[in-house]
Amino acid sequence: MIVQIPESFSQQVQTSGEKASLIYTINESNAASIKSIMQTVATTITEMVNQNISTQGTQAVLEQLQMPSAQATGTAQSLVGKVESEMIYTHPVNGMNNQMVPLMLVLASFVGSMIMGQNLHQSTLLLAGTLSKWNSFRARLVINFISAPLISFIGSVMVLVLGGQMEHGFLALWMFQMLLILAFMFFSQMFINVLGMSGMIINIVMMSLQLVTSGAMVPRLMLNTFYKWLGEFLPATYGVQGIMALQFGGPGIGSSVWGLIIITVICLLVSLLTVALKKEKVAMVIHQEGNIPVSVASQR
């Protein structure tokens, strides 16, 4: 929020019958609580300035009329103030439904990616003995890269149909949402690749941490140092920043895009290293014709 005192403020205060204004410029492209906090601060500032100016100005006038000082002070405090608030909103948010879009997109994308990663891992276990570890990993990559554009398209269409704001257009929101979903997919699947089904516990913890640190619910400026630092390594932080910028306007999304790309690449490399270190499990299958044992490589 920017507080502006007009050049004519002093003159307006001293002129009888004329109101003076303090101008407040608030950026709405933030968490919902930011607007409420800034409006409260603006009201408090205006009330304090109004009280001081009204008391001092009226007291001076009454003292000039040779009214006793104590009586002049009491009379001045009972008069209506001269200072008003003028609110200007940049990047306005049209309704609570639009305010909730960044949070809902991030939450739905991560939960969906987490469940998808669980199902892919279970499918891999069921196919043990028929696919090698590298074929299984490649199959999951293909599924990720095919499903991300489709899922993000459906989500972006729903935002459009339900009246969501799109300051930079549908295509920009779709492409960014696709990148965010890919980052969530590789991020959540990384823990499952490393820890197996136990990685789902880490994913559940990460879901809670991302909701806290992303800035969708609580402004990041209000977080302590640890949570601010932690948010720099989580994809939801860049997702919320980018979606807000695309929906309501504001600074470019370059930093958000690069943040998601870096997280995606790191998670992919960790998963690749994990698969490379895993040993192939050898399953013995009896050949139907000659009852000859045949070794079939599968992923552990």
C-alpha atoms as a PDB file:
ATOM      1  CA  MET A   1       0.000   0.000   0.000  1.00  0.00           C
ATOM      2  CA  ILE A   2       1.159   3.515  -0.849  1.00  0.00           C
ATOM      3  CA  VAL A   3      -0.060   6.472   1.220  1.00  0.00           C
ATOM      4  CA  GLN A   4      -0.128   9.764  -0.679  1.00  0.00           C
ATOM      5  CA  ILE A   5      -0.598  13.208   0.885  1.00  0.00           C
ATOM      6  CA  PRO A   6      -1.741  15.674  -1.818  1.00  0.00           C
ATOM      7  CA  GLU A   7       0.073  19.007  -2.210  1.00  0.00           C
ATOM      8  CA  SER A   8      -3.121  20.895  -1.369  1.00  0.00           C
ATOM      9  CA  PHE A   9      -3.702  18.922   1.830  1.00  0.00           C
ATOM     10  CA  SER A  10      -2.642  21.702   4.246  1.00  0.00           C
ATOM     11  CA  GLN A  11      -4.632  24.325   2.376  1.00  0.00           C
ATOM     12  CA  GLN A  12      -7.744  22.156   2.335  1.00  0.00           C
ATOM     13  CA  VAL A  13      -7.454  21.505   6.051  1.00  0.00           C
ATOM     14  CA  GLN A  14      -7.281  25.229   6.792  1.00  0.00           C
ATOM     15  CA  THR A  15     -10.142  26.149   4.468  1.00  0.00           C
ATOM     16  CA  SER A  16     -13.519  26.245   6.138  1.00  0.00           C
ATOM     17  CA  GLY A  17     -16.146  23.935   4.656  1.00  0.00           C
ATOM     18  CA  GLU A  18     -13.664  21.960   2.531  1.00  0.00           C
ATOM     19  CA  LYS A  19     -12.647  18.352   3.018  1.00  0.00           C
ATOM     20  CA  ALA A  20      -9.084  17.039   2.746  1.00  0.00           C
ATOM     21  CA  SER A  21      -8.236  13.517   1.536  1.00  0.00           C
ATOM     22  CA  LEU A  22      -5.466  11.014   2.115  1.00  0.00           C
ATOM     23  CA  ILE A  23      -5.000   8.784  -0.943  1.00  0.00           C
ATOM     24  CA  TYR A  24      -4.299   5.080  -0.406  1.00  0.00           C
ATOM     25  CA  THR A  25      -3.214   2.869  -3.315  1.00  0.00           C
ATOM     26  CA  ILE A  26      -3.590  -0.859  -2.577  1.00  0.00           C
ATOM     27  CA  ASN A  27      -2.432  -3.736  -4.785  1.00  0.00           C
ATOM     28  CA  GLU A  28      -5.118  -6.422  -4.637  1.00  0.00           C
ATOM     29  CA  SER A  29      -3.013  -9.019  -6.449  1.00  0.00           C
ATOM     30  CA  ASN A  30      -2.103 -10.627  -3.134  1.00  0.00           C
ATOM     31  CA  ALA A  31      -3.529 -12.987  -0.557  1.00  0.00           C
ATOM     32  CA  ALA A  32      -7.063 -12.093   0.527  1.00  0.00           C
ATOM     33  CA  SER A  33      -5.928 -11.040   4.003  1.00  0.00           C
ATOM     34  CA  ILE A  34      -3.630  -8.356   2.545  1.00  0.00           C
ATOM     35  CA  LYS A  35      -6.530  -6.202   1.350  1.00  0.00           C
ATOM     36  CA  SER A  36      -8.313  -6.463   4.679  1.00  0.00           C
ATOM     37  CA  ILE A  37      -5.165  -5.598   6.649  1.00  0.00           C
ATOM     38  CA  MET A  38      -4.350  -2.607   4.444  1.00  0.00           C
ATOM     39  CA  GLN A  39      -7.910  -1.266   4.640  1.00  0.00           C
ATOM     40  CA  THR A  40      -7.718  -1.457   8.426  1.00  0.00           C
ATOM     41  CA  VAL A  41      -4.379   0.358   8.429  1.00  0.00           C
ATOM     42  CA  ALA A  42      -5.743   3.060   6.104  1.00  0.00           C
ATOM     43  CA  THR A  43      -8.784   3.612   8.335  1.00  0.00           C
ATOM     44  CA  THR A  44      -6.575   3.866  11.421  1.00  0.00           C
ATOM     45  CA  ILE A  45      -4.210   6.372   9.803  1.00  0.00           C
ATOM     46  CA  THR A  46      -7.085   8.539   8.600  1.00  0.00           C
ATOM     47  CA  GLU A  47      -8.745   8.531  12.005  1.00  0.00           C
ATOM     48  CA  MET A  48      -5.521   9.523  13.774  1.00  0.00           C
ATOM     49  CA  VAL A  49      -4.705  12.312  11.309  1.00  0.00           C
ATOM     50  CA  ASN A  50      -8.287  13.502  11.347  1.00  0.00           C
ATOM     51  CA  GLN A  51      -8.398  13.629  15.131  1.00  0.00           C
ATOM     52  CA  ASN A  52      -5.118  15.528  15.461  1.00  0.00           C
ATOM     53  CA  ILE A  53      -5.865  18.048  12.710  1.00  0.00           C
ATOM     54  CA  SER A  54      -9.418  18.672  13.840  1.00  0.00           C
ATOM     55  CA  THR A  55      -8.434  19.150  17.470  1.00  0.00           C
ATOM     56  CA  GLN A  56      -5.490  21.459  16.766  1.00  0.00           C
ATOM     57  CA  GLY A  57      -7.196  23.512  14.069  1.00  0.00           C
ATOM     58  CA  THR A  58     -10.465  24.046  15.890  1.00  0.00           C
ATOM     59  CA  GLN A  59      -8.706  24.756  19.178  1.00  0.00           C
ATOM     60  CA  ALA A  60      -6.612  27.463  17.542  1.00  0.00           C
ATOM     61  CA  VAL A  61      -9.714  29.131  16.077  1.00  0.00           C
ATOM     62  CA  LEU A  62     -11.587  29.072  19.380  1.00  0.00           C
ATOM     63  CA  GLU A  63      -8.601  30.441  21.282  1.00  0.00           C
ATOM     64  CA  GLN A  64      -8.463  33.332  18.853  1.00  0.00           C
ATOM     65  CA  LEU A  65     -12.032  34.065  19.901  1.00  0.00           C
ATOM     66  CA  GLN A  66     -10.707  34.370  23.468  1.00  0.00           C
ATOM     67  CA  MET A  67     -12.502  31.220  24.627  1.00  0.00           C
ATOM     68  CA  PRO A  68     -10.790  29.523  27.585  1.00  0.00           C
ATOM     69  CA  SER A  69      -8.244  26.906  26.481  1.00  0.00           C
ATOM     70  CA  ALA A  70      -9.874  23.967  28.284  1.00  0.00           C
ATOM     71  CA  GLN A  71     -13.288  24.805  26.870  1.00  0.00           C
ATOM     72  CA  ALA A  72     -11.809  25.285  23.397  1.00  0.00           C
ATOM     73  CA  THR A  73     -10.177  21.828  23.533  1.00  0.00           C
ATOM     74  CA  GLY A  74     -13.422  20.116  24.500  1.00  0.00           C
ATOM     75  CA  THR A  75     -15.389  21.905  21.823  1.00  0.00           C
ATOM     76  CA  ALA A  76     -12.810  21.063  19.168  1.00  0.00           C
ATOM     77  CA  GLN A  77     -12.864  17.354  19.963  1.00  0.00           C
ATOM     78  CA  SER A  78     -16.614  17.228  19.494  1.00  0.00           C
ATOM     79  CA  LEU A  79     -16.545  18.616  15.955  1.00  0.00           C
ATOM     80  CA  VAL A  80     -16.631  16.467  12.808  1.00  0.00           C
ATOM     81  CA  GLY A  81     -13.219  15.900  11.208  1.00  0.00           C
ATOM     82  CA  LYS A  82     -12.099  17.249   7.885  1.00  0.00           C
ATOM     83  CA  VAL A  83      -9.946  14.342   6.643  1.00  0.00           C
ATOM     84  CA  GLU A  84     -11.326  11.522   4.481  1.00  0.00           C
ATOM     85  CA  SER A  85      -9.890   8.361   2.924  1.00  0.00           C
ATOM     86  CA  GLU A  86      -9.663   7.934  -0.838  1.00  0.00           C
ATOM     87  CA  MET A  87      -8.981   4.317  -1.846  1.00  0.00           C
ATOM     88  CA  ILE A  88      -7.415   3.369  -5.170  1.00  0.00           C
ATOM     89  CA  TYR A  89      -7.068  -0.333  -6.038  1.00  0.00           C
ATOM     90  CA  THR A  90      -4.546  -1.602  -8.581  1.00  0.00           C
ATOM     91  CA  HIS A  91      -4.935  -5.032 -10.221  1.00  0.00           C
ATOM     92  CA  PRO A  92      -8.451  -5.366  -8.768  1.00  0.00           C
ATOM     93  CA  VAL A  93      -9.881  -8.780  -7.891  1.00  0.00           C
ATOM     94  CA  ASN A  94     -13.472  -9.240  -9.028  1.00  0.00           C
ATOM     95  CA  GLY A  95     -15.067 -11.211  -6.234  1.00  0.00           C
ATOM     96  CA  MET A  96     -13.994 -13.836  -3.728  1.00  0.00           C
ATOM     97  CA  ASN A  97     -14.278 -16.553  -6.383  1.00  0.00           C
ATOM     98  CA  ASN A  98     -11.329 -15.048  -8.264  1.00  0.00           C
ATOM     99  CA  GLN A  99      -9.420 -14.498  -5.035  1.00  0.00           C
ATOM    100  CA  MET A 100      -9.650 -18.225  -4.309  1.00  0.00           C
ATOM    101  CA  VAL A 101      -8.527 -19.421  -7.770  1.00  0.00           C
ATOM    102  CA  PRO A 102      -4.738 -19.503  -7.020  1.00  0.00           C
ATOM    103  CA  LEU A 103      -5.293 -21.508  -3.838  1.00  0.00           C
ATOM    104  CA  MET A 104      -7.731 -23.935  -5.454  1.00  0.00           C
ATOM    105  CA  LEU A 105      -5.576 -24.519  -8.543  1.00  0.00           C
ATOM    106  CA  VAL A 106      -2.476 -25.179  -6.468  1.00  0.00           C
ATOM    107  CA  LEU A 107      -4.283 -27.440  -3.999  1.00  0.00           C
ATOM    108  CA  ALA A 108      -6.114 -29.455  -6.664  1.00  0.00           C
ATOM    109  CA  SER A 109      -2.994 -29.776  -8.825  1.00  0.00           C
ATOM    110  CA  PHE A 110      -0.786 -31.068  -6.027  1.00  0.00           C
ATOM    111  CA  VAL A 111      -3.357 -33.455  -4.544  1.00  0.00           C
ATOM    112  CA  GLY A 112      -4.090 -34.846  -8.017  1.00  0.00           C
ATOM    113  CA  SER A 113      -0.390 -35.235  -8.796  1.00  0.00           C
ATOM    114  CA  MET A 114       0.212 -36.936  -5.467  1.00  0.00           C
ATOM    115  CA  ILE A 115      -2.582 -39.474  -6.002  1.00  0.00           C
ATOM    116  CA  MET A 116      -1.499 -40.024  -9.603  1.00  0.00           C
ATOM    117  CA  GLY A 117       2.053 -40.783  -8.434  1.00  0.00           C
ATOM    118  CA  GLN A 118       0.706 -43.295  -5.925  1.00  0.00           C
ATOM    119  CA  ASN A 119      -1.340 -45.068  -8.582  1.00  0.00           C
ATOM    120  CA  LEU A 120       1.600 -45.184 -10.994  1.00  0.00           C
ATOM    121  CA  HIS A 121       3.806 -46.706  -8.324  1.00  0.00           C
ATOM    122  CA  GLN A 122       1.194 -49.343  -7.490  1.00  0.00           C
ATOM    123  CA  SER A 123       0.816 -50.144 -11.195  1.00  0.00           C
ATOM    124  CA  THR A 124       4.574 -50.560 -11.449  1.00  0.00           C
ATOM    125  CA  LEU A 125       4.532 -53.045  -8.591  1.00  0.00           C
ATOM    126  CA  LEU A 126       1.739 -55.028 -10.241  1.00  0.00           C
ATOM    127  CA  LEU A 127       3.713 -55.190 -13.487  1.00  0.00           C
ATOM    128  CA  ALA A 128       6.845 -56.442 -11.777  1.00  0.00           C
ATOM    129  CA  GLY A 129       8.301 -59.236 -13.856  1.00  0.00           C
ATOM    130  CA  THR A 130       7.109 -57.836 -17.181  1.00  0.00           C
ATOM    131  CA  LEU A 131       8.849 -54.436 -17.319  1.00  0.00           C
ATOM    132  CA  SER A 132      12.421 -53.494 -16.526  1.00  0.00           C
ATOM    133  CA  LYS A 133      13.050 -50.562 -14.198  1.00  0.00           C
ATOM    134  CA  TRP A 134      13.995 -48.281 -17.109  1.00  0.00           C
ATOM    135  CA  ASN A 135      10.972 -49.223 -19.203  1.00  0.00           C
ATOM    136  CA  SER A 136       8.767 -48.572 -16.195  1.00  0.00           C
ATOM    137  CA  PHE A 137      10.400 -45.185 -15.597  1.00  0.00           C
ATOM    138  CA  ARG A 138      10.051 -44.209 -19.264  1.00  0.00           C
ATOM    139  CA  ALA A 139       6.380 -45.208 -19.222  1.00  0.00           C
ATOM    140  CA  ARG A 140       5.753 -42.924 -16.239  1.00  0.00           C
ATOM    141  CA  LEU A 141       7.528 -40.062 -17.993  1.00  0.00           C
ATOM    142  CA  VAL A 142       5.328 -40.487 -21.064  1.00  0.00           C
ATOM    143  CA  ILE A 143       2.190 -40.536 -18.922  1.00  0.00           C
ATOM    144  CA  ASN A 144       3.305 -37.369 -17.112  1.00  0.00           C
ATOM    145  CA  PHE A 145       4.069 -35.417 -20.279  1.00  0.00           C
ATOM    146  CA  ILE A 146       0.827 -36.478 -21.967  1.00  0.00           C
ATOM    147  CA  SER A 147      -1.478 -35.920 -19.003  1.00  0.00           C
ATOM    148  CA  ALA A 148      -0.096 -32.519 -17.903  1.00  0.00           C
ATOM    149  CA  PRO A 149      -1.345 -30.565 -20.974  1.00  0.00           C
ATOM    150  CA  LEU A 150      -4.749 -32.277 -20.838  1.00  0.00           C
ATOM    151  CA  ILE A 151      -5.284 -31.743 -17.109  1.00  0.00           C
ATOM    152  CA  SER A 152      -4.136 -28.121 -17.220  1.00  0.00           C
ATOM    153  CA  PHE A 153      -6.390 -27.445 -20.213  1.00  0.00           C
ATOM    154  CA  ILE A 154      -9.418 -28.760 -18.340  1.00  0.00           C
ATOM    155  CA  GLY A 155      -8.541 -26.677 -15.290  1.00  0.00           C
ATOM    156  CA  SER A 156      -8.019 -23.505 -17.332  1.00  0.00           C
ATOM    157  CA  VAL A 157     -11.302 -24.040 -19.178  1.00  0.00           C
ATOM    158  CA  MET A 158     -13.130 -24.387 -15.871  1.00  0.00           C
ATOM    159  CA  VAL A 159     -11.628 -21.102 -14.673  1.00  0.00           C
ATOM    160  CA  LEU A 160     -12.739 -19.424 -17.911  1.00  0.00           C
ATOM    161  CA  VAL A 161     -16.257 -20.883 -17.878  1.00  0.00           C
ATOM    162  CA  LEU A 162     -16.816 -19.971 -14.229  1.00  0.00           C
ATOM    163  CA  GLY A 163     -15.938 -16.330 -14.874  1.00  0.00           C
ATOM    164  CA  GLY A 164     -12.335 -16.291 -13.687  1.00  0.00           C
ATOM    165  CA  GLN A 165     -10.131 -13.308 -14.448  1.00  0.00           C
ATOM    166  CA  MET A 166      -7.423 -13.773 -17.080  1.00  0.00           C
ATOM    167  CA  GLU A 167      -5.450 -10.559 -17.392  1.00  0.00           C
ATOM    168  CA  HIS A 168      -2.907 -12.158 -19.743  1.00  0.00           C
ATOM    169  CA  GLY A 169      -5.296 -14.446 -21.609  1.00  0.00           C
ATOM    170  CA  PHE A 170      -6.295 -18.094 -21.637  1.00  0.00           C
ATOM    171  CA  LEU A 171      -3.198 -19.445 -23.394  1.00  0.00           C
ATOM    172  CA  ALA A 172      -0.785 -17.956 -20.861  1.00  0.00           C
ATOM    173  CA  LEU A 173      -2.742 -19.410 -17.942  1.00  0.00           C
ATOM    174  CA  TRP A 174      -2.931 -22.816 -19.633  1.00  0.00           C
ATOM    175  CA  MET A 175       0.804 -22.991 -20.367  1.00  0.00           C
ATOM    176  CA  PHE A 176       1.761 -21.884 -16.870  1.00  0.00           C
ATOM    177  CA  GLN A 177      -0.682 -24.310 -15.285  1.00  0.00           C
ATOM    178  CA  MET A 178       0.809 -27.112 -17.400  1.00  0.00           C
ATOM    179  CA  LEU A 179       4.291 -26.259 -16.123  1.00  0.00           C
ATOM    180  CA  LEU A 180       3.008 -26.137 -12.540  1.00  0.00           C
ATOM    181  CA  ILE A 181       1.366 -29.567 -12.833  1.00  0.00           C
ATOM    182  CA  LEU A 182       4.555 -31.058 -14.296  1.00  0.00           C
ATOM    183  CA  ALA A 183       6.531 -29.624 -11.380  1.00  0.00           C
ATOM    184  CA  PHE A 184       4.030 -31.099  -8.917  1.00  0.00           C
ATOM    185  CA  MET A 185       4.119 -34.489 -10.662  1.00  0.00           C
ATOM    186  CA  PHE A 186       7.898 -34.828 -10.545  1.00  0.00           C
ATOM    187  CA  PHE A 187       8.069 -33.317  -7.051  1.00  0.00           C
ATOM    188  CA  SER A 188       5.554 -35.754  -5.551  1.00  0.00           C
ATOM    189  CA  GLN A 189       6.828 -38.769  -7.513  1.00  0.00           C
ATOM    190  CA  MET A 190      10.393 -38.073  -6.389  1.00  0.00           C
ATOM    191  CA  PHE A 191       9.536 -39.009  -2.785  1.00  0.00           C
ATOM    192  CA  ILE A 192       7.685 -42.137  -3.948  1.00  0.00           C
ATOM    193  CA  ASN A 193      10.614 -43.196  -6.137  1.00  0.00           C
ATOM    194  CA  VAL A 194      13.039 -42.770  -3.264  1.00  0.00           C
ATOM    195  CA  LEU A 195      10.948 -44.115  -0.371  1.00  0.00           C
ATOM    196  CA  GLY A 196       8.276 -46.213  -2.058  1.00  0.00           C
ATOM    197  CA  MET A 197       4.769 -45.945  -0.641  1.00  0.00           C
ATOM    198  CA  SER A 198       6.234 -44.361   2.490  1.00  0.00           C
ATOM    199  CA  GLY A 199       6.896 -41.316   0.324  1.00  0.00           C
ATOM    200  CA  MET A 200       3.169 -40.550   0.476  1.00  0.00           C
ATOM    201  CA  ILE A 201       3.649 -39.510   4.097  1.00  0.00           C
ATOM    202  CA  ILE A 202       6.225 -36.948   2.985  1.00  0.00           C
ATOM    203  CA  ASN A 203       3.852 -35.757   0.257  1.00  0.00           C
ATOM    204  CA  ILE A 204       1.071 -35.172   2.784  1.00  0.00           C
ATOM    205  CA  VAL A 205       3.461 -33.121   4.932  1.00  0.00           C
ATOM    206  CA  MET A 206       4.589 -31.196   1.852  1.00  0.00           C
ATOM    207  CA  MET A 207       0.989 -30.390   0.972  1.00  0.00           C
ATOM    208  CA  SER A 208       0.473 -28.702   4.341  1.00  0.00           C
ATOM    209  CA  LEU A 209       3.789 -26.856   4.170  1.00  0.00           C
ATOM    210  CA  GLN A 210       3.065 -25.567   0.679  1.00  0.00           C
ATOM    211  CA  LEU A 211      -0.326 -24.212   1.704  1.00  0.00           C
ATOM    212  CA  VAL A 212       1.350 -22.279   4.522  1.00  0.00           C
ATOM    213  CA  THR A 213       4.401 -20.990   2.644  1.00  0.00           C
ATOM    214  CA  SER A 214       2.979 -20.330  -0.840  1.00  0.00           C
ATOM    215  CA  GLY A 215       1.306 -17.004   0.008  1.00  0.00           C
ATOM    216  CA  ALA A 216      -2.146 -18.129  -1.066  1.00  0.00           C
ATOM    217  CA  MET A 217      -3.516 -18.178   2.481  1.00  0.00           C
ATOM    218  CA  VAL A 218      -1.036 -16.150   4.528  1.00  0.00           C
ATOM    219  CA  PRO A 219       1.071 -13.365   2.918  1.00  0.00           C
ATOM    220  CA  ARG A 220       4.693 -14.451   2.690  1.00  0.00           C
ATOM    221  CA  LEU A 221       5.798 -11.172   4.270  1.00  0.00           C
ATOM    222  CA  MET A 222       4.062 -12.268   7.476  1.00  0.00           C
ATOM    223  CA  LEU A 223       5.923 -15.587   7.666  1.00  0.00           C
ATOM    224  CA  ASN A 224       8.962 -16.095   9.862  1.00  0.00           C
ATOM    225  CA  THR A 225      12.422 -16.567   8.388  1.00  0.00           C
ATOM    226  CA  PHE A 226      12.286 -20.377   8.353  1.00  0.00           C
ATOM    227  CA  TYR A 227       9.023 -20.621   6.424  1.00  0.00           C
ATOM    228  CA  LYS A 228      10.118 -17.913   3.981  1.00  0.00           C
ATOM    229  CA  TRP A 229      13.314 -19.865   3.325  1.00  0.00           C
ATOM    230  CA  LEU A 230      11.457 -23.162   3.008  1.00  0.00           C
ATOM    231  CA  GLY A 231       8.973 -21.696   0.534  1.00  0.00           C
ATOM    232  CA  GLU A 232      11.802 -20.909  -1.879  1.00  0.00           C
ATOM    233  CA  PHE A 233      12.266 -24.654  -2.470  1.00  0.00           C
ATOM    234  CA  LEU A 234       8.593 -25.577  -2.930  1.00  0.00           C
ATOM    235  CA  PRO A 235       6.780 -25.332  -6.285  1.00  0.00           C
ATOM    236  CA  ALA A 236       3.526 -23.972  -4.826  1.00  0.00           C
ATOM    237  CA  THR A 237       5.248 -20.666  -3.984  1.00  0.00           C
ATOM    238  CA  TYR A 238       6.067 -19.993  -7.632  1.00  0.00           C
ATOM    239  CA  GLY A 239       2.692 -21.366  -8.717  1.00  0.00           C
ATOM    240  CA  VAL A 240       0.722 -18.895  -6.578  1.00  0.00           C
ATOM    241  CA  GLN A 241       2.898 -15.952  -7.630  1.00  0.00           C
ATOM    242  CA  GLY A 242       2.557 -16.808 -11.312  1.00  0.00           C
ATOM    243  CA  ILE A 243      -1.194 -17.462 -11.243  1.00  0.00           C
ATOM    244  CA  MET A 244      -1.862 -14.182  -9.406  1.00  0.00           C
ATOM    245  CA  ALA A 245       0.210 -12.271 -11.947  1.00  0.00           C
ATOM    246  CA  LEU A 246      -1.560 -13.969 -14.866  1.00  0.00           C
ATOM    247  CA  GLN A 247      -5.021 -13.474 -13.387  1.00  0.00           C
ATOM    248  CA  PHE A 248      -4.841  -9.972 -11.943  1.00  0.00           C
ATOM    249  CA  GLY A 249      -1.816  -8.413 -13.622  1.00  0.00           C
ATOM    250  CA  GLY A 250       1.392  -7.185 -12.067  1.00  0.00           C
ATOM    251  CA  PRO A 251       5.061  -8.094 -12.516  1.00  0.00           C
ATOM    252  CA  GLY A 252       6.107 -10.655 -15.098  1.00  0.00           C
ATOM    253  CA  ILE A 253       6.094 -14.372 -14.397  1.00  0.00           C
ATOM    254  CA  GLY A 254       9.684 -15.003 -15.533  1.00  0.00           C
ATOM    255  CA  SER A 255      10.990 -15.722 -12.029  1.00  0.00           C
ATOM    256  CA  SER A 256       8.058 -18.049 -11.321  1.00  0.00           C
ATOM    257  CA  VAL A 257       8.601 -19.983 -14.557  1.00  0.00           C
ATOM    258  CA  TRP A 258      12.315 -20.424 -13.891  1.00  0.00           C
ATOM    259  CA  GLY A 259      11.624 -21.482 -10.310  1.00  0.00           C
ATOM    260  CA  LEU A 260       9.269 -24.239 -11.497  1.00  0.00           C
ATOM    261  CA  ILE A 261      11.685 -25.364 -14.220  1.00  0.00           C
ATOM    262  CA  ILE A 262      14.592 -25.649 -11.768  1.00  0.00           C
ATOM    263  CA  ILE A 263      12.511 -27.627  -9.253  1.00  0.00           C
ATOM    264  CA  THR A 264      11.246 -29.936 -12.028  1.00  0.00           C
ATOM    265  CA  VAL A 265      14.752 -30.645 -13.339  1.00  0.00           C
ATOM    266  CA  ILE A 266      16.148 -31.316  -9.851  1.00  0.00           C
ATOM    267  CA  CYS A 267      13.312 -33.715  -9.003  1.00  0.00           C
ATOM    268  CA  LEU A 268      13.742 -35.507 -12.336  1.00  0.00           C
ATOM    269  CA  LEU A 269      17.482 -35.937 -11.750  1.00  0.00           C
ATOM    270  CA  VAL A 270      16.912 -37.307  -8.244  1.00  0.00           C
ATOM    271  CA  SER A 271      14.385 -39.808  -9.629  1.00  0.00           C
ATOM    272  CA  LEU A 272      16.791 -40.832 -12.396  1.00  0.00           C
ATOM    273  CA  LEU A 273      19.571 -41.394  -9.871  1.00  0.00           C
ATOM    274  CA  THR A 274      17.250 -43.418  -7.649  1.00  0.00           C
ATOM    275  CA  VAL A 275      16.203 -45.689 -10.523  1.00  0.00           C
ATOM    276  CA  ALA A 276      19.833 -46.126 -11.598  1.00  0.00           C
ATOM    277  CA  LEU A 277      20.832 -47.258  -8.105  1.00  0.00           C
ATOM    278  CA  LYS A 278      17.995 -49.756  -7.769  1.00  0.00           C
ATOM    279  CA  LYS A 279      18.757 -53.365  -8.551  1.00  0.00           C
ATOM    280  CA  GLU A 280      16.827 -55.416 -11.049  1.00  0.00           C
ATOM    281  CA  LYS A 281      14.775 -58.146  -9.424  1.00  0.00           C
ATOM    282  CA  VAL A 282      14.950 -61.497 -11.190  1.00  0.00           C
ATOM    283  CA  ALA A 283      11.665 -63.390 -11.353  1.00  0.00           C
ATOM    284  CA  MET A 284      11.677 -67.097 -12.292  1.00  0.00           C
ATOM    285  CA  VAL A 285       8.964 -68.031 -14.783  1.00  0.00           C
ATOM    286  CA  ILE A 286       8.424 -71.656 -15.853  1.00  0.00           C
ATOM    287  CA  HIS A 287       8.283 -72.064 -19.625  1.00  0.00           C
ATOM    288  CA  GLN A 288       5.051 -73.825 -20.555  1.00  0.00           C
ATOM    289  CA  GLU A 289       6.478 -76.119 -23.213  1.00  0.00           C
ATOM    290  CA  GLY A 290       9.636 -77.506 -21.700  1.00  0.00           C
ATOM    291  CA  ASN A 291       9.223 -76.574 -18.058  1.00  0.00           C
ATOM    292  CA  ILE A 292      12.487 -74.647 -18.372  1.00  0.00           C
ATOM    293  CA  PRO A 293      13.035 -71.841 -15.832  1.00  0.00           C
ATOM    294  CA  VAL A 294      13.534 -68.530 -17.576  1.00  0.00           C
ATOM    295  CA  SER A 295      14.870 -65.421 -15.844  1.00  0.00           C
ATOM    296  CA  VAL A 296      12.826 -62.261 -16.371  1.00  0.00           C
ATOM    297  CA  ALA A 297      14.197 -58.914 -15.144  1.00  0.00           C
ATOM    298  CA  SER A 298      11.816 -56.676 -13.259  1.00  0.00           C
ATOM    299  CA  GLN A 299      11.960 -53.620 -11.070  1.00  0.00           C
ATOM    300  CA  ARG A 300      12.289 -54.164  -7.352  1.00  0.00           C
END
